[in-house]
Structure formats: structure tokens, C-alpha cells
């Protein structure tokens, strides 16, 4: 069955901005969460956002990292994340 997000994440109201990604269980550091964006020149800004990429918020002290892997931008944790904690990463895509 298709799931738009990994089973250990949900979307809910964020104190940072609008909606955000939150852990539904503890997640270990360096866990790859999945594809956040897919490169495609025909789309605005040349990327298609997945649900994962559309809902993480920016932080200058993030607990996740967005990184390039081929034509994908992947999202992985860089710290242990507790159940209920919001997942954040530094935005860099639109400032390239």
C-alpha cells in the first residue's frame, strides 16, 4: 500500500511555520527518511516536492539534513529524534 510519508512521521501544526513533519516514534540518528525532491527541468524551480519535502521546516539548528543523491534530494536525520519532535533541516535548494 502506498504511504505518502514513512510510517514513523506525521504532519501537524508547527510552531515554526504552518504545518511540519513530526516523529510518531523515536528515530535514530543517520536514518534515511526518503526522497524529499525529484529533479525535473519541466517543473518550477526544477524540482518536484514529495510530501516529505513539502512539510519539513527550516532551522539554523536542524535535526535532519537534505542532501543530493543523483537527481534526488534525500532527507536523513543527523541527531536522535524523540517521538513528538518536529523534523527540521536547513533550506538550501531555493538559494542555489
N, C-alpha and C. Protein backbone atom coordinates (compact mmCIF):
# COMPACT_ATOMS: atom_id res chain seq x y z
N UNK A 1 0.84 -1.19 0.00
CA UNK A 1 0.00 0.00 0.00
C UNK A 1 0.89 1.25 0.00
N UNK A 2 0.52 2.23 -0.81
CA UNK A 2 1.27 3.49 -0.89
C UNK A 2 1.06 4.30 0.38
N UNK A 3 2.16 4.82 0.91
CA UNK A 3 2.12 5.75 2.04
C UNK A 3 2.88 7.00 1.62
N UNK A 4 2.27 8.17 1.70
CA UNK A 4 2.98 9.39 1.27
C UNK A 4 4.15 9.77 2.17
N UNK A 5 4.15 9.27 3.40
CA UNK A 5 5.24 9.53 4.35
C UNK A 5 5.70 8.21 4.96
N UNK A 6 6.94 8.17 5.44
CA UNK A 6 7.35 6.99 6.19
C UNK A 6 6.41 6.80 7.39
N UNK A 7 6.25 5.58 7.82
CA UNK A 7 5.30 5.25 8.89
C UNK A 7 5.63 5.95 10.21
N UNK A 8 6.90 6.36 10.40
CA UNK A 8 7.30 6.98 11.66
C UNK A 8 7.17 8.51 11.65
N UNK A 9 6.46 9.06 10.64
CA UNK A 9 6.27 10.51 10.54
C UNK A 9 4.80 10.86 10.32
N UNK A 10 4.44 12.06 10.77
CA UNK A 10 3.10 12.59 10.51
C UNK A 10 3.22 14.10 10.27
N UNK A 11 2.17 14.69 9.77
CA UNK A 11 2.11 16.13 9.52
C UNK A 11 1.13 16.73 10.52
N UNK A 12 1.56 17.80 11.18
CA UNK A 12 0.65 18.52 12.07
C UNK A 12 1.10 19.97 12.22
N UNK A 13 0.35 20.76 12.95
CA UNK A 13 0.66 22.18 13.16
C UNK A 13 2.04 22.36 13.77
N UNK A 14 2.76 23.35 13.22
CA UNK A 14 4.13 23.63 13.67
C UNK A 14 4.20 25.00 14.33
N UNK A 15 4.99 25.11 15.37
CA UNK A 15 5.25 26.42 15.98
C UNK A 15 6.23 27.23 15.13
N UNK A 16 6.94 26.56 14.21
CA UNK A 16 7.89 27.25 13.34
C UNK A 16 7.16 27.97 12.22
N UNK A 17 6.32 27.22 11.47
CA UNK A 17 5.59 27.79 10.34
C UNK A 17 4.56 26.79 9.84
N UNK A 18 3.32 27.18 9.81
CA UNK A 18 2.26 26.37 9.20
C UNK A 18 2.23 24.95 9.70
N UNK A 19 2.45 24.00 8.78
CA UNK A 19 2.49 22.58 9.11
C UNK A 19 3.93 22.09 9.07
N UNK A 20 4.20 21.03 9.81
CA UNK A 20 5.55 20.47 9.83
C UNK A 20 5.51 18.96 9.95
N UNK A 21 6.68 18.35 9.83
CA UNK A 21 6.83 16.89 9.99
C UNK A 21 7.18 16.59 11.44
N UNK A 22 6.53 15.58 12.00
CA UNK A 22 6.77 15.20 13.39
C UNK A 22 6.95 13.69 13.49
N UNK A 23 7.82 13.29 14.41
CA UNK A 23 8.09 11.87 14.64
C UNK A 23 6.94 11.24 15.42
N UNK A 24 6.47 10.08 14.97
CA UNK A 24 5.43 9.33 15.69
C UNK A 24 6.05 8.26 16.58
N UNK A 25 7.38 8.13 16.49
CA UNK A 25 8.15 7.22 17.34
C UNK A 25 9.58 7.75 17.37
N UNK A 26 10.39 7.26 18.30
CA UNK A 26 11.79 7.66 18.34
C UNK A 26 12.48 7.22 17.04
N UNK A 27 13.36 8.08 16.50
CA UNK A 27 14.10 7.78 15.27
C UNK A 27 15.58 7.99 15.56
N UNK A 28 16.39 7.01 15.22
CA UNK A 28 17.84 7.08 15.45
C UNK A 28 18.51 8.06 14.50
N UNK A 29 19.62 8.63 14.95
CA UNK A 29 20.44 9.49 14.10
C UNK A 29 20.90 8.72 12.87
N UNK A 30 21.03 9.43 11.76
CA UNK A 30 21.51 8.91 10.47
C UNK A 30 20.55 7.93 9.81
N UNK A 31 19.25 8.07 10.13
CA UNK A 31 18.22 7.29 9.45
C UNK A 31 17.82 8.02 8.18
N UNK A 32 17.91 7.35 7.03
CA UNK A 32 17.46 7.93 5.77
C UNK A 32 15.93 7.82 5.74
N UNK A 33 15.28 8.97 5.62
CA UNK A 33 13.82 9.01 5.66
C UNK A 33 13.20 8.85 4.28
N UNK A 34 13.93 9.21 3.23
CA UNK A 34 13.42 9.04 1.88
C UNK A 34 13.68 10.23 0.98
N UNK A 35 13.00 10.23 -0.15
CA UNK A 35 13.17 11.25 -1.18
C UNK A 35 12.30 12.47 -0.84
N UNK A 36 12.94 13.64 -0.78
CA UNK A 36 12.23 14.88 -0.49
C UNK A 36 11.88 15.65 -1.77
N UNK A 37 12.76 15.60 -2.77
CA UNK A 37 12.56 16.30 -4.04
C UNK A 37 13.13 15.45 -5.18
N UNK A 38 12.53 15.60 -6.36
CA UNK A 38 12.99 14.92 -7.57
C UNK A 38 13.29 15.98 -8.62
N UNK A 39 14.50 15.94 -9.19
CA UNK A 39 14.87 16.90 -10.22
C UNK A 39 14.09 16.64 -11.50
N UNK A 40 13.48 17.71 -12.04
CA UNK A 40 12.77 17.63 -13.31
C UNK A 40 12.71 19.05 -13.88
N UNK A 41 13.41 19.28 -14.98
CA UNK A 41 13.52 20.62 -15.56
C UNK A 41 12.19 21.23 -15.97
N UNK A 42 11.16 20.43 -16.15
CA UNK A 42 9.87 20.96 -16.60
C UNK A 42 9.04 21.59 -15.48
N UNK A 43 9.49 21.46 -14.23
CA UNK A 43 8.73 22.00 -13.11
C UNK A 43 9.35 23.29 -12.60
N UNK A 44 8.53 24.11 -11.96
CA UNK A 44 9.01 25.35 -11.35
C UNK A 44 10.15 25.03 -10.40
N UNK A 45 11.19 25.81 -10.45
CA UNK A 45 12.40 25.62 -9.64
C UNK A 45 13.10 24.30 -9.96
N UNK A 46 12.65 23.60 -10.99
CA UNK A 46 13.28 22.36 -11.49
C UNK A 46 13.22 21.18 -10.53
N UNK A 47 12.33 21.24 -9.55
CA UNK A 47 12.17 20.12 -8.61
C UNK A 47 10.70 19.86 -8.32
N UNK A 48 10.37 18.60 -8.15
CA UNK A 48 9.06 18.17 -7.69
C UNK A 48 9.22 17.84 -6.21
N UNK A 49 8.42 18.43 -5.36
CA UNK A 49 8.47 18.11 -3.93
C UNK A 49 7.59 16.91 -3.65
N UNK A 50 8.09 16.00 -2.86
CA UNK A 50 7.28 14.90 -2.35
C UNK A 50 6.62 15.37 -1.06
N UNK A 51 5.68 14.60 -0.49
CA UNK A 51 5.13 15.01 0.81
C UNK A 51 6.23 15.20 1.86
N UNK A 52 7.26 14.38 1.81
CA UNK A 52 8.37 14.51 2.76
C UNK A 52 9.05 15.87 2.59
N UNK A 53 9.30 16.27 1.34
CA UNK A 53 9.96 17.54 1.07
C UNK A 53 9.08 18.75 1.24
N UNK A 54 7.78 18.55 1.16
CA UNK A 54 6.86 19.67 1.25
C UNK A 54 6.54 20.13 2.65
N UNK A 55 6.93 19.34 3.66
CA UNK A 55 6.48 19.67 5.01
C UNK A 55 7.57 19.81 6.07
N UNK A 56 8.85 19.59 5.72
CA UNK A 56 9.85 19.87 6.76
C UNK A 56 10.13 21.36 6.77
N UNK A 57 10.31 21.90 7.96
CA UNK A 57 10.56 23.33 8.13
C UNK A 57 12.05 23.60 8.30
N UNK A 58 12.42 24.86 8.03
CA UNK A 58 13.81 25.30 8.15
C UNK A 58 14.18 25.53 9.62
N UNK A 59 15.46 25.24 9.92
CA UNK A 59 16.03 25.59 11.22
C UNK A 59 17.52 25.83 11.03
N UNK A 60 18.06 26.80 11.78
CA UNK A 60 19.51 27.00 11.79
C UNK A 60 20.19 25.98 12.69
N UNK A 61 19.41 25.25 13.48
CA UNK A 61 19.93 24.16 14.33
C UNK A 61 19.10 22.91 14.03
N UNK A 62 19.24 22.37 12.80
CA UNK A 62 18.38 21.27 12.35
C UNK A 62 18.71 19.94 13.00
N UNK A 63 17.74 19.03 12.92
CA UNK A 63 17.98 17.65 13.37
C UNK A 63 18.00 16.70 12.17
N UNK A 64 17.85 17.25 10.96
CA UNK A 64 17.91 16.47 9.71
C UNK A 64 18.78 17.20 8.70
N UNK A 65 19.14 16.47 7.65
CA UNK A 65 19.93 17.05 6.57
C UNK A 65 19.32 16.66 5.23
N UNK A 66 19.19 17.65 4.35
CA UNK A 66 18.78 17.38 2.96
C UNK A 66 20.06 17.31 2.14
N UNK A 67 20.22 16.26 1.35
CA UNK A 67 21.45 16.08 0.58
C UNK A 67 21.14 15.49 -0.79
N UNK A 68 22.02 15.78 -1.75
CA UNK A 68 21.85 15.30 -3.12
C UNK A 68 22.29 13.86 -3.25
N UNK A 69 21.50 13.09 -4.01
CA UNK A 69 21.87 11.73 -4.38
C UNK A 69 21.34 11.52 -5.80
N UNK A 70 22.22 11.72 -6.79
CA UNK A 70 21.79 11.67 -8.18
C UNK A 70 20.81 12.81 -8.46
N UNK A 71 19.64 12.48 -9.00
CA UNK A 71 18.64 13.52 -9.29
C UNK A 71 17.63 13.71 -8.17
N UNK A 72 17.94 13.13 -7.01
CA UNK A 72 17.06 13.23 -5.85
C UNK A 72 17.69 14.06 -4.74
N UNK A 73 16.84 14.74 -3.98
CA UNK A 73 17.26 15.32 -2.71
C UNK A 73 16.66 14.41 -1.65
N UNK A 74 17.52 13.84 -0.85
CA UNK A 74 17.13 12.90 0.20
C UNK A 74 17.08 13.63 1.54
N UNK A 75 16.34 13.08 2.49
CA UNK A 75 16.29 13.64 3.84
C UNK A 75 16.69 12.55 4.82
N UNK A 76 17.64 12.88 5.70
CA UNK A 76 18.05 11.94 6.74
C UNK A 76 18.22 12.67 8.06
N UNK A 77 18.05 11.94 9.13
CA UNK A 77 18.24 12.51 10.46
C UNK A 77 19.74 12.65 10.72
N UNK A 78 20.13 13.67 11.48
CA UNK A 78 21.53 13.82 11.87
C UNK A 78 21.68 13.79 13.39
N UNK A 79 20.56 13.64 14.07
CA UNK A 79 20.52 13.51 15.53
C UNK A 79 19.43 12.50 15.86
N UNK A 80 19.49 11.95 17.06
CA UNK A 80 18.37 11.13 17.53
C UNK A 80 17.16 12.06 17.68
N UNK A 81 16.01 11.58 17.25
CA UNK A 81 14.78 12.37 17.31
C UNK A 81 13.78 11.62 18.19
N UNK A 82 13.21 12.33 19.13
CA UNK A 82 12.24 11.75 20.05
C UNK A 82 10.82 11.81 19.48
N UNK A 83 9.99 10.87 19.88
CA UNK A 83 8.59 10.86 19.49
C UNK A 83 7.98 12.22 19.82
N UNK A 84 7.26 12.81 18.85
CA UNK A 84 6.62 14.11 19.05
C UNK A 84 7.46 15.29 18.62
N UNK A 85 8.75 15.09 18.36
CA UNK A 85 9.65 16.17 17.97
C UNK A 85 9.46 16.52 16.49
N UNK A 86 9.56 17.82 16.18
CA UNK A 86 9.47 18.25 14.79
C UNK A 86 10.80 18.03 14.07
N UNK A 87 10.73 17.57 12.82
CA UNK A 87 11.92 17.37 12.00
C UNK A 87 12.19 18.65 11.22
N UNK A 88 13.44 19.10 11.25
CA UNK A 88 13.82 20.33 10.56
C UNK A 88 15.13 20.11 9.81
N UNK A 89 15.35 20.94 8.80
CA UNK A 89 16.61 20.93 8.04
C UNK A 89 16.88 22.34 7.56
N UNK A 90 18.12 22.62 7.19
CA UNK A 90 18.44 23.92 6.62
C UNK A 90 17.98 23.93 5.17
N UNK A 91 17.23 24.97 4.80
CA UNK A 91 16.83 25.13 3.40
C UNK A 91 18.04 25.59 2.60
N UNK A 92 18.27 25.01 1.48
CA UNK A 92 19.33 25.46 0.58
C UNK A 92 18.92 25.38 -0.88
N UNK A 93 17.89 24.63 -1.21
CA UNK A 93 17.51 24.40 -2.60
C UNK A 93 17.20 25.70 -3.34
N UNK A 94 16.42 26.55 -2.77
CA UNK A 94 15.97 27.73 -3.48
C UNK A 94 16.95 28.90 -3.38
N UNK A 95 18.09 28.67 -2.73
CA UNK A 95 19.11 29.72 -2.67
C UNK A 95 20.32 29.35 -3.52
N UNK A 96 20.24 28.25 -4.28
CA UNK A 96 21.36 27.85 -5.15
C UNK A 96 21.49 28.75 -6.35
